[in-house]
Amino acid sequence: MTSPFLRVACAAAVALSATASLAQESTNRVATKTDWSVFTEDSPKECWGVSSPKETVNSRDGQPVSVRRGDILLFVTFRPGAGAKGEVSFTGGYPFASGSTVEMAIDGKTYELFTDGEWAWPGSAEADATLLAAMKAGATATLTARSGRGTQTKDTFSLRGFTAAMEEAETRCK
């Protein structure tokens, strides 16, 4: 028997994976709000805001290194059929170190995201809501993580246009 957390984590990983595929393949961009884009899909009904980092720093043993990474994206997804009212997720473009977490800093306050494979997200709907409020009030979000190969990554995202993008995505997914 699996734990409820594990079942939720697995379901979230599948949903996040589907969202990433849609964002990378979707042609349904419905809006651009400064540094954030809004996409929609109809079957199932899903809307999301997504942004890529303005700055990326990779290091190992405190020294800058050049590494190959896939897409680095920060998402907020709305799925009315699944009761998702603003789920935050992050993909760093590589598999995170097993058992590690991602630290998300917004204007000096830090939050923890849990990892599974190439994905990270808050641990609960309440944590999502707290993070959304901080992102709406903030100017930048910096995500610090560690890869399975020991590389430390630091990705900084602009939050300019974030509130307008979330309003657009949420309105389209009511």
Foldseek 3Di string as FASTA:
>chain_A
DDDPLVVVVVVVVVVVVVVVVCVVPPPQFDDDFPQWTWGFDVVPTKIKIKGAFPDKFKDAPPHTDDDDFAGWMWMWMDGVVVPRLTWIKTFHRFFFAPPWWKWKDFPHDIDIWTHDGRMTTHSDSVSRVVVLVSLVVGAKIWIWGAHNVGMIMITIHGSRRVVVNSVVRNVSND
